[in-house]
């Protein structure tokens, strides 16, 4: 079952969240994480990124599981959703979804929350990214409970 909601990915009550990451070629500490990764760094701390650094380069569309740091989840699934030019494609979105589902099953996670992979730093049209992601998840999720979270800034964050 796949549902789409609006809100904050990190607030979802699921076993694991998915982080739309890069190919892990540039050391994380040289990057200024934005979007989902930036929110994870602020709320989870550095531990998940230290674990991710030990993995080394990731092929486009693959996924790696780390601890959740200070977040209440059982883990974070980091997907290599953008290429070396920081762009997402339909192929990278589909591959990321399939890899995240495979890692979730391997780790016994029963529920996952995804951001709209490729729609942020990846520069992919959000509506099309959501369509591609949802189709990939519906084809592969099976018994997993999957939520796709369209990020929407809270009212208190939107005020100057």
N, C-alpha and C. Protein backbone atom coordinates (compact mmCIF):
# COMPACT_ATOMS: atom_id res chain seq x y z
N UNK A 1 0.84 -1.18 0.00
CA UNK A 1 0.00 0.00 0.00
C UNK A 1 0.88 1.25 0.00
N UNK A 2 0.61 2.17 -0.89
CA UNK A 2 1.36 3.42 -0.99
C UNK A 2 0.39 4.58 -0.78
N UNK A 3 0.73 5.45 0.16
CA UNK A 3 -0.08 6.64 0.36
C UNK A 3 0.80 7.87 0.21
N UNK A 4 0.21 8.96 -0.22
CA UNK A 4 0.93 10.22 -0.38
C UNK A 4 0.33 11.22 0.61
N UNK A 5 1.21 11.85 1.39
CA UNK A 5 0.77 12.84 2.37
C UNK A 5 1.63 14.09 2.23
N UNK A 6 1.19 15.17 2.84
CA UNK A 6 1.99 16.38 2.92
C UNK A 6 2.47 16.52 4.34
N UNK A 7 3.70 16.99 4.53
CA UNK A 7 4.22 17.17 5.87
C UNK A 7 5.72 17.09 5.90
N UNK A 8 6.23 16.60 7.03
CA UNK A 8 7.66 16.51 7.27
C UNK A 8 8.04 15.03 7.33
N UNK A 9 8.95 14.62 6.48
CA UNK A 9 9.40 13.23 6.41
C UNK A 9 9.86 12.71 7.76
N UNK A 10 10.59 13.53 8.50
CA UNK A 10 11.19 13.09 9.75
C UNK A 10 10.17 12.87 10.86
N UNK A 11 8.95 13.37 10.68
CA UNK A 11 7.90 13.22 11.69
C UNK A 11 7.01 12.00 11.45
N UNK A 12 7.27 11.24 10.40
CA UNK A 12 6.43 10.09 10.08
C UNK A 12 6.70 8.95 11.06
N UNK A 13 5.65 8.25 11.45
CA UNK A 13 5.76 7.11 12.36
C UNK A 13 5.95 5.84 11.55
N UNK A 14 7.20 5.60 11.18
CA UNK A 14 7.58 4.46 10.34
C UNK A 14 8.86 3.85 10.88
N UNK A 15 9.15 2.63 10.43
CA UNK A 15 10.39 1.98 10.84
C UNK A 15 11.62 2.70 10.29
N UNK A 16 11.55 3.13 9.04
CA UNK A 16 12.71 3.77 8.41
C UNK A 16 12.27 4.88 7.48
N UNK A 17 13.14 5.88 7.37
CA UNK A 17 12.92 6.95 6.40
C UNK A 17 13.95 6.80 5.30
N UNK A 18 13.63 7.37 4.15
CA UNK A 18 14.54 7.33 3.00
C UNK A 18 15.13 8.72 2.81
N UNK A 19 16.45 8.76 2.69
CA UNK A 19 17.16 10.01 2.44
C UNK A 19 17.58 10.05 0.98
N UNK A 20 17.10 11.03 0.24
CA UNK A 20 17.52 11.22 -1.14
C UNK A 20 18.93 11.80 -1.11
N UNK A 21 19.91 10.97 -1.40
CA UNK A 21 21.31 11.31 -1.25
C UNK A 21 21.96 11.44 -2.61
N UNK A 22 23.27 11.63 -2.62
CA UNK A 22 24.02 11.68 -3.88
C UNK A 22 24.77 10.37 -4.05
N UNK A 23 25.73 10.32 -4.91
CA UNK A 23 26.44 9.07 -5.16
C UNK A 23 27.54 8.81 -4.14
N UNK A 24 27.66 9.67 -3.13
CA UNK A 24 28.58 9.45 -2.01
C UNK A 24 30.04 9.53 -2.45
N UNK A 25 30.31 10.32 -3.48
CA UNK A 25 31.69 10.45 -3.96
C UNK A 25 32.40 11.61 -3.27
N UNK A 26 31.69 12.70 -3.05
CA UNK A 26 32.25 13.84 -2.33
C UNK A 26 32.05 13.59 -0.84
N UNK A 27 33.11 13.71 -0.02
CA UNK A 27 32.94 13.49 1.42
C UNK A 27 31.81 14.34 1.99
N UNK A 28 30.96 13.72 2.82
CA UNK A 28 29.78 14.40 3.34
C UNK A 28 30.14 15.67 4.09
N UNK A 29 31.28 15.69 4.74
CA UNK A 29 31.64 16.86 5.54
C UNK A 29 32.05 18.05 4.67
N UNK A 30 32.28 17.82 3.36
CA UNK A 30 32.55 18.92 2.44
C UNK A 30 31.25 19.52 1.90
N UNK A 31 30.16 18.80 2.07
CA UNK A 31 28.88 19.25 1.55
C UNK A 31 28.12 20.05 2.60
N UNK A 32 27.25 20.90 2.15
CA UNK A 32 26.33 21.59 3.04
C UNK A 32 24.96 20.98 2.76
N UNK A 33 24.63 19.88 3.48
CA UNK A 33 23.38 19.18 3.18
C UNK A 33 22.18 20.12 3.22
N UNK A 34 21.34 19.96 2.21
CA UNK A 34 20.12 20.74 2.11
C UNK A 34 18.94 19.79 2.15
N UNK A 35 17.75 20.32 2.11
CA UNK A 35 16.55 19.51 2.01
C UNK A 35 16.49 18.42 3.07
N UNK A 36 16.16 17.20 2.62
CA UNK A 36 16.02 16.06 3.53
C UNK A 36 17.32 15.80 4.27
N UNK A 37 18.43 15.78 3.56
CA UNK A 37 19.72 15.49 4.20
C UNK A 37 20.07 16.53 5.27
N UNK A 38 19.79 17.80 4.97
CA UNK A 38 20.05 18.85 5.95
C UNK A 38 19.19 18.69 7.19
N UNK A 39 17.93 18.35 6.99
CA UNK A 39 17.03 18.14 8.13
C UNK A 39 17.49 16.94 8.96
N UNK A 40 17.92 15.88 8.28
CA UNK A 40 18.43 14.71 9.01
C UNK A 40 19.66 15.08 9.82
N UNK A 41 20.58 15.81 9.20
CA UNK A 41 21.80 16.21 9.91
C UNK A 41 21.46 17.02 11.16
N UNK A 42 20.52 17.96 11.03
CA UNK A 42 20.15 18.80 12.17
C UNK A 42 19.49 17.99 13.29
N UNK A 43 18.59 17.08 12.93
CA UNK A 43 17.81 16.37 13.95
C UNK A 43 18.39 15.03 14.37
N UNK A 44 19.07 14.35 13.47
CA UNK A 44 19.62 13.03 13.81
C UNK A 44 21.04 13.11 14.32
N UNK A 45 21.75 14.17 13.96
CA UNK A 45 23.16 14.29 14.31
C UNK A 45 24.03 13.73 13.19
N UNK A 46 25.31 13.62 13.45
CA UNK A 46 26.28 13.23 12.42
C UNK A 46 26.47 11.72 12.25
N UNK A 47 26.02 10.93 13.21
CA UNK A 47 26.29 9.49 13.16
C UNK A 47 25.85 8.81 11.86
N UNK A 48 24.63 9.04 11.37
CA UNK A 48 24.25 8.38 10.10
C UNK A 48 25.20 8.74 8.95
N UNK A 49 25.67 9.98 8.91
CA UNK A 49 26.56 10.40 7.82
C UNK A 49 27.96 9.83 7.98
N UNK A 50 28.40 9.65 9.22
CA UNK A 50 29.69 8.99 9.44
C UNK A 50 29.63 7.54 8.96
N UNK A 51 28.51 6.88 9.24
CA UNK A 51 28.34 5.50 8.77
C UNK A 51 28.29 5.46 7.24
N UNK A 52 27.61 6.41 6.65
CA UNK A 52 27.48 6.48 5.20
C UNK A 52 28.85 6.72 4.55
N UNK A 53 29.70 7.49 5.19
CA UNK A 53 31.03 7.78 4.64
C UNK A 53 31.86 6.51 4.49
N UNK A 54 31.66 5.55 5.38
CA UNK A 54 32.43 4.30 5.33
C UNK A 54 32.04 3.41 4.14
N UNK A 55 30.89 3.69 3.53
CA UNK A 55 30.40 2.88 2.42
C UNK A 55 31.19 3.15 1.14
N UNK A 56 31.60 4.40 0.95
CA UNK A 56 32.29 4.78 -0.28
C UNK A 56 31.31 5.07 -1.39
N UNK A 57 31.81 5.21 -2.62
CA UNK A 57 30.95 5.57 -3.75
C UNK A 57 29.80 4.57 -3.95
N UNK A 58 28.65 5.12 -4.30
CA UNK A 58 27.45 4.32 -4.54
C UNK A 58 27.04 4.45 -6.01
N UNK A 59 26.78 3.35 -6.67
CA UNK A 59 26.25 3.44 -8.03
C UNK A 59 24.88 4.13 -8.02
N UNK A 60 24.58 4.85 -9.08
CA UNK A 60 23.31 5.55 -9.19
C UNK A 60 22.14 4.57 -9.02
N UNK A 61 21.19 4.95 -8.17
CA UNK A 61 20.01 4.13 -7.95
C UNK A 61 20.14 3.09 -6.86
N UNK A 62 21.30 3.01 -6.20
CA UNK A 62 21.47 2.03 -5.12
C UNK A 62 21.11 2.64 -3.77
N UNK A 63 21.09 1.80 -2.74
CA UNK A 63 20.69 2.25 -1.40
C UNK A 63 21.54 1.59 -0.33
N UNK A 64 21.74 2.32 0.77
CA UNK A 64 22.51 1.86 1.92
C UNK A 64 21.73 2.19 3.18
N UNK A 65 21.78 1.31 4.18
CA UNK A 65 21.10 1.55 5.45
C UNK A 65 22.11 1.96 6.51
N UNK A 66 21.75 2.99 7.29
CA UNK A 66 22.54 3.39 8.45
C UNK A 66 21.61 3.45 9.65
N UNK A 67 22.20 3.72 10.80
CA UNK A 67 21.39 3.96 11.99
C UNK A 67 20.61 5.25 11.78
N UNK A 68 19.70 5.54 12.68
CA UNK A 68 18.88 6.75 12.57
C UNK A 68 19.40 7.87 13.46
N UNK A 69 20.55 7.68 14.09
CA UNK A 69 21.07 8.73 14.96
C UNK A 69 20.08 9.02 16.07
N UNK A 70 19.77 10.30 16.27
CA UNK A 70 18.83 10.70 17.33
C UNK A 70 17.37 10.64 16.91
N UNK A 71 17.10 10.22 15.68
CA UNK A 71 15.71 10.11 15.23
C UNK A 71 15.08 8.84 15.81
N UNK A 72 13.76 8.79 15.94
CA UNK A 72 13.09 7.65 16.56
C UNK A 72 12.90 6.44 15.63
N UNK A 73 13.50 6.44 14.47
CA UNK A 73 13.33 5.36 13.51
C UNK A 73 14.35 4.25 13.75
N UNK A 74 14.11 3.09 13.15
CA UNK A 74 15.05 1.97 13.25
C UNK A 74 16.23 2.13 12.32
N UNK A 75 16.08 2.96 11.29
CA UNK A 75 17.18 3.17 10.36
C UNK A 75 16.84 4.24 9.34
N UNK A 76 17.88 4.61 8.59
CA UNK A 76 17.72 5.53 7.47
C UNK A 76 18.25 4.81 6.23
N UNK A 77 17.47 4.82 5.17
CA UNK A 77 17.90 4.23 3.90
C UNK A 77 18.30 5.39 3.00
N UNK A 78 19.58 5.46 2.68
CA UNK A 78 20.12 6.53 1.84
C UNK A 78 20.15 6.02 0.41
N UNK A 79 19.51 6.72 -0.51
CA UNK A 79 19.49 6.30 -1.91
C UNK A 79 20.31 7.26 -2.76
N UNK A 80 21.06 6.71 -3.72
CA UNK A 80 21.84 7.52 -4.65
C UNK A 80 20.91 7.92 -5.79
N UNK A 81 20.16 8.99 -5.56
CA UNK A 81 19.11 9.39 -6.49
C UNK A 81 19.51 10.44 -7.50
N UNK A 82 20.72 10.99 -7.36
CA UNK A 82 21.16 12.01 -8.33
C UNK A 82 22.53 11.65 -8.88
N UNK A 83 22.78 12.06 -10.10
CA UNK A 83 24.05 11.73 -10.75
C UNK A 83 25.15 12.71 -10.36
N UNK A 84 26.29 12.61 -11.00
CA UNK A 84 27.42 13.47 -10.66
C UNK A 84 27.20 14.94 -11.01
N UNK A 85 26.21 15.22 -11.84
CA UNK A 85 25.86 16.60 -12.17
C UNK A 85 24.70 17.09 -11.30
N UNK A 86 24.38 16.34 -10.25
CA UNK A 86 23.32 16.67 -9.30
C UNK A 86 21.96 16.71 -9.97
N UNK A 87 21.71 15.76 -10.87
CA UNK A 87 20.44 15.67 -11.57
C UNK A 87 19.85 14.29 -11.39
N UNK A 88 18.53 14.26 -11.23
CA UNK A 88 17.80 13.00 -11.15
C UNK A 88 17.22 12.67 -12.52
N UNK A 89 16.90 11.41 -12.72
CA UNK A 89 16.25 10.97 -13.95
C UNK A 89 15.17 9.96 -13.56
N UNK A 90 14.31 9.61 -14.51
CA UNK A 90 13.31 8.59 -14.22
C UNK A 90 14.00 7.30 -13.79
N UNK A 91 15.09 6.95 -14.46
CA UNK A 91 15.83 5.73 -14.12
C UNK A 91 16.39 5.79 -12.70
N UNK A 92 16.96 6.93 -12.30
CA UNK A 92 17.54 7.01 -10.95
C UNK A 92 16.44 6.97 -9.88
N UNK A 93 15.28 7.54 -10.19
CA UNK A 93 14.16 7.51 -9.23
C UNK A 93 13.64 6.08 -9.09
N UNK A 94 13.41 5.40 -10.21
CA UNK A 94 12.93 4.01 -10.16
C UNK A 94 13.94 3.10 -9.46
N UNK A 95 15.21 3.25 -9.80
CA UNK A 95 16.25 2.43 -9.18
C UNK A 95 16.35 2.68 -7.69
N UNK A 96 16.26 3.93 -7.29
CA UNK A 96 16.32 4.27 -5.87
C UNK A 96 15.15 3.66 -5.10
N UNK A 97 13.97 3.72 -5.68
CA UNK A 97 12.78 3.14 -5.03
C UNK A 97 12.95 1.63 -4.86
N UNK A 98 13.36 0.96 -5.92
CA UNK A 98 13.53 -0.50 -5.86
C UNK A 98 14.62 -0.89 -4.86
N UNK A 99 15.72 -0.15 -4.86
CA UNK A 99 16.82 -0.46 -3.93
C UNK A 99 16.41 -0.22 -2.48
N UNK A 100 15.67 0.86 -2.24
CA UNK A 100 15.22 1.15 -0.88
C UNK A 100 14.28 0.05 -0.37
N UNK A 101 13.39 -0.41 -1.23
CA UNK A 101 12.48 -1.50 -0.85
C UNK A 101 13.27 -2.78 -0.55
N UNK A 102 14.26 -3.08 -1.37
CA UNK A 102 15.08 -4.27 -1.14
C UNK A 102 15.82 -4.17 0.19
N UNK A 103 16.41 -3.00 0.49
CA UNK A 103 17.13 -2.84 1.77
C UNK A 103 16.15 -2.94 2.95
N UNK A 104 14.95 -2.39 2.80
CA UNK A 104 13.95 -2.45 3.87
C UNK A 104 13.62 -3.90 4.19
N UNK A 105 13.43 -4.71 3.17
CA UNK A 105 13.13 -6.13 3.39
C UNK A 105 14.30 -6.84 4.07
N UNK A 106 15.51 -6.56 3.61
CA UNK A 106 16.70 -7.18 4.20
C UNK A 106 16.83 -6.86 5.69
N UNK A 107 16.41 -5.67 6.08
CA UNK A 107 16.55 -5.24 7.47
C UNK A 107 15.29 -5.44 8.30
N UNK A 108 14.27 -6.02 7.71
CA UNK A 108 13.04 -6.31 8.44
C UNK A 108 12.17 -5.10 8.72
N UNK A 109 12.37 -4.01 8.00
CA UNK A 109 11.51 -2.84 8.17
C UNK A 109 10.16 -3.14 7.54
N UNK A 110 9.10 -2.74 8.21
CA UNK A 110 7.75 -3.00 7.70
C UNK A 110 7.07 -1.75 7.16
N UNK A 111 7.61 -0.59 7.53
CA UNK A 111 7.02 0.67 7.07
C UNK A 111 8.13 1.65 6.72
N UNK A 112 7.91 2.37 5.62
CA UNK A 112 8.89 3.33 5.10
C UNK A 112 8.23 4.65 4.75
N UNK A 113 9.00 5.72 4.88
CA UNK A 113 8.56 7.03 4.39
C UNK A 113 9.61 7.55 3.43
N UNK A 114 9.16 7.94 2.24
CA UNK A 114 10.02 8.45 1.18
C UNK A 114 9.77 9.94 0.97
N UNK A 115 10.81 10.70 0.66
CA UNK A 115 10.57 12.04 0.10
C UNK A 115 10.27 11.84 -1.39
N UNK A 116 9.94 12.90 -2.09
CA UNK A 116 9.77 12.80 -3.54
C UNK A 116 11.18 12.86 -4.14
N UNK A 117 11.76 11.69 -4.36
CA UNK A 117 13.14 11.59 -4.83
C UNK A 117 13.31 12.33 -6.15
N UNK A 118 14.35 13.16 -6.21
CA UNK A 118 14.68 13.88 -7.43
C UNK A 118 14.07 15.25 -7.55
N UNK A 119 13.05 15.56 -6.73
CA UNK A 119 12.33 16.83 -6.87
C UNK A 119 13.03 18.00 -6.20
N UNK A 120 13.98 17.73 -5.33
CA UNK A 120 14.69 18.83 -4.65
C UNK A 120 15.96 19.17 -5.40
N UNK A 121 17.09 18.82 -4.81
CA UNK A 121 18.39 19.11 -5.43
C UNK A 121 18.55 18.46 -6.79
N UNK A 122 17.78 17.40 -7.04
CA UNK A 122 17.88 16.68 -8.31
C UNK A 122 17.29 17.41 -9.50
N UNK A 123 16.55 18.50 -9.24
CA UNK A 123 16.02 19.34 -10.31
C UNK A 123 14.94 18.72 -11.18
N UNK A 124 14.36 17.61 -10.76
CA UNK A 124 13.33 16.94 -11.55
C UNK A 124 11.98 17.54 -11.20
N UNK A 125 11.10 17.68 -12.16
CA UNK A 125 9.76 18.20 -11.93
C UNK A 125 9.06 17.40 -10.83
N UNK A 126 8.56 18.07 -9.80
CA UNK A 126 7.98 17.36 -8.65
C UNK A 126 6.80 16.48 -9.03
N UNK A 127 5.90 16.97 -9.84
CA UNK A 127 4.72 16.17 -10.22
C UNK A 127 5.14 14.91 -10.96
N UNK A 128 6.07 15.03 -11.89
CA UNK A 128 6.53 13.87 -12.65
C UNK A 128 7.34 12.93 -11.76
N UNK A 129 8.18 13.48 -10.88
CA UNK A 129 8.95 12.66 -9.95
C UNK A 129 8.02 11.84 -9.06
N UNK A 130 6.97 12.48 -8.58
CA UNK A 130 6.00 11.78 -7.73
C UNK A 130 5.31 10.67 -8.52
N UNK A 131 4.97 10.93 -9.74
CA UNK A 131 4.32 9.93 -10.60
C UNK A 131 5.24 8.71 -10.81
N UNK A 132 6.50 8.95 -11.15
CA UNK A 132 7.47 7.88 -11.38
C UNK A 132 7.72 7.10 -10.09
N UNK A 133 7.92 7.82 -8.98
CA UNK A 133 8.18 7.19 -7.69
C UNK A 133 7.00 6.34 -7.25
N UNK A 134 5.82 6.90 -7.34
CA UNK A 134 4.62 6.17 -6.91
C UNK A 134 4.42 4.89 -7.72
N UNK A 135 4.61 4.96 -9.03
CA UNK A 135 4.47 3.77 -9.87
C UNK A 135 5.49 2.71 -9.49
N UNK A 136 6.74 3.12 -9.24
CA UNK A 136 7.78 2.16 -8.85
C UNK A 136 7.47 1.53 -7.50
N UNK A 137 6.98 2.33 -6.58
CA UNK A 137 6.66 1.80 -5.24
C UNK A 137 5.46 0.88 -5.28
N UNK A 138 4.44 1.25 -6.03
CA UNK A 138 3.26 0.39 -6.12
C UNK A 138 3.60 -0.95 -6.76
N UNK A 139 4.54 -0.95 -7.68
CA UNK A 139 4.95 -2.19 -8.34
C UNK A 139 5.78 -3.08 -7.41
N UNK A 140 6.49 -2.48 -6.46
CA UNK A 140 7.41 -3.28 -5.66
C UNK A 140 7.16 -3.37 -4.17
N UNK A 141 6.28 -2.54 -3.63
CA UNK A 141 6.12 -2.47 -2.18
C UNK A 141 5.56 -3.74 -1.55
N UNK A 142 4.67 -4.43 -2.25
CA UNK A 142 4.09 -5.64 -1.68
C UNK A 142 3.44 -5.37 -0.34
N UNK A 143 3.91 -6.08 0.68
CA UNK A 143 3.33 -5.99 2.02
C UNK A 143 3.82 -4.79 2.82
N UNK A 144 4.82 -4.07 2.33
CA UNK A 144 5.34 -2.92 3.06
C UNK A 144 4.33 -1.78 3.08
N UNK A 145 4.28 -1.07 4.20
CA UNK A 145 3.48 0.15 4.29
C UNK A 145 4.40 1.28 3.86
N UNK A 146 4.04 1.95 2.79
CA UNK A 146 4.89 2.99 2.22
C UNK A 146 4.14 4.31 2.17
N UNK A 147 4.79 5.35 2.68
CA UNK A 147 4.25 6.70 2.64
C UNK A 147 5.23 7.57 1.86
N UNK A 148 4.71 8.32 0.91
CA UNK A 148 5.51 9.32 0.20
C UNK A 148 5.10 10.66 0.80
N UNK A 149 6.09 11.40 1.26
CA UNK A 149 5.81 12.67 1.93
C UNK A 149 6.22 13.83 1.05
N UNK A 150 5.23 14.60 0.65
CA UNK A 150 5.49 15.84 -0.08
C UNK A 150 5.76 16.90 0.97
N UNK A 151 6.97 17.41 0.99
CA UNK A 151 7.34 18.38 2.03
C UNK A 151 6.56 19.67 1.87
N UNK A 152 5.99 20.09 2.96
CA UNK A 152 5.32 21.37 3.01
C UNK A 152 5.78 22.06 4.28
N UNK A 153 6.28 23.27 4.11
CA UNK A 153 6.78 24.06 5.24
C UNK A 153 5.64 24.35 6.21
N UNK A 154 5.89 24.16 7.50
CA UNK A 154 4.89 24.45 8.52
C UNK A 154 4.64 25.96 8.55
N UNK A 155 3.43 26.35 8.96
CA UNK A 155 3.07 27.79 9.00
C UNK A 155 4.08 28.61 9.78
N UNK A 156 4.55 28.10 10.92
CA UNK A 156 5.48 28.87 11.72
C UNK A 156 6.85 29.03 11.03
N UNK A 157 7.19 28.13 10.13
CA UNK A 157 8.46 28.23 9.38
C UNK A 157 8.34 29.21 8.23
N UNK A 158 7.13 29.41 7.71
CA UNK A 158 6.93 30.23 6.52
C UNK A 158 6.98 31.72 6.84
N UNK A 159 6.75 32.06 8.08
CA UNK A 159 6.73 33.49 8.45
C UNK A 159 8.15 34.04 8.51
N UNK A 160 8.33 35.31 8.09
CA UNK A 160 9.67 35.94 8.16
C UNK A 160 10.10 36.21 9.57
